[in-house]
Amino acid sequence: MKRYLTAIFIGLSGVIIFVGIKLDLYWSGIVSWGLAIVLLLLAAYYTKYIPNDKKEKE
């Protein structure tokens, strides 16, 4: 399950930015970009759980 968290977090950050832009409220832009940055940092953290094919072939 952890191997898919990177893709999930990247997708969620895109959805949050899209919703934040469409809401057009006073603080929605700041909040949506803040949440997107946090989700992208989490996506970068969970890239270590993506399997490496080079190690398996050796």
Protein backbone atom coordinates (compact mmCIF):
# COMPACT_ATOMS: atom_id res chain seq x y z
CA MET A 1 0.00 0.00 0.00
CA LYS A 2 2.85 2.40 0.76
CA ARG A 3 4.09 2.18 -2.83
CA TYR A 4 0.90 3.82 -4.07
CA LEU A 5 0.92 6.71 -1.58
CA THR A 6 3.15 8.84 -3.83
CA ALA A 7 0.63 8.76 -6.68
CA ILE A 8 -2.28 9.28 -4.29
CA PHE A 9 -0.68 12.35 -2.69
CA ILE A 10 0.19 13.89 -6.06
CA GLY A 11 -3.38 13.35 -7.27
CA LEU A 12 -4.83 14.79 -4.09
CA SER A 13 -2.66 17.88 -4.34
CA GLY A 14 -3.93 18.49 -7.87
CA VAL A 15 -7.54 18.08 -6.77
CA ILE A 16 -7.06 20.42 -3.81
CA ILE A 17 -5.51 23.12 -6.01
CA PHE A 18 -8.32 22.77 -8.53
CA VAL A 19 -11.02 23.02 -5.86
CA GLY A 20 -9.24 25.95 -4.20
CA ILE A 21 -9.15 27.86 -7.46
CA LYS A 22 -12.79 27.15 -8.24
CA LEU A 23 -14.05 28.17 -4.77
CA ASP A 24 -12.66 31.69 -5.16
CA LEU A 25 -12.90 32.52 -1.46
CA TYR A 26 -10.62 34.88 0.43
CA TRP A 27 -8.34 32.33 2.12
CA SER A 28 -8.96 29.35 -0.16
CA GLY A 29 -5.94 30.04 -2.35
CA ILE A 30 -3.51 30.21 0.55
CA VAL A 31 -4.97 27.15 2.24
CA SER A 32 -5.11 25.08 -0.94
CA TRP A 33 -1.52 25.86 -1.91
CA GLY A 34 -0.37 25.14 1.66
CA LEU A 35 -2.10 21.78 1.67
CA ALA A 36 -0.75 20.99 -1.80
CA ILE A 37 2.82 21.68 -0.67
CA VAL A 38 2.38 19.46 2.38
CA LEU A 39 0.96 16.66 0.20
CA LEU A 40 3.81 16.99 -2.29
CA LEU A 41 6.33 16.76 0.55
CA LEU A 42 4.61 13.59 1.75
CA ALA A 43 4.69 12.23 -1.80
CA ALA A 44 8.43 12.87 -1.94
CA TYR A 45 8.88 11.12 1.40
CA TYR A 46 7.03 7.98 0.29
CA THR A 47 9.05 7.59 -2.92
CA LYS A 48 11.47 5.43 -0.94
CA TYR A 49 8.81 2.68 -0.86
CA ILE A 50 8.64 2.42 -4.66
CA PRO A 51 10.40 -0.84 -5.59
CA ASN A 52 13.74 -0.60 -7.40
CA ASP A 53 13.97 -3.03 -10.33
CA LYS A 54 17.77 -2.81 -10.59
CA LYS A 55 18.29 -4.36 -7.16
CA GLU A 56 15.93 -7.25 -7.94
CA LYS A 57 17.72 -8.20 -11.20
CA GLU A 58 21.14 -8.48 -9.57
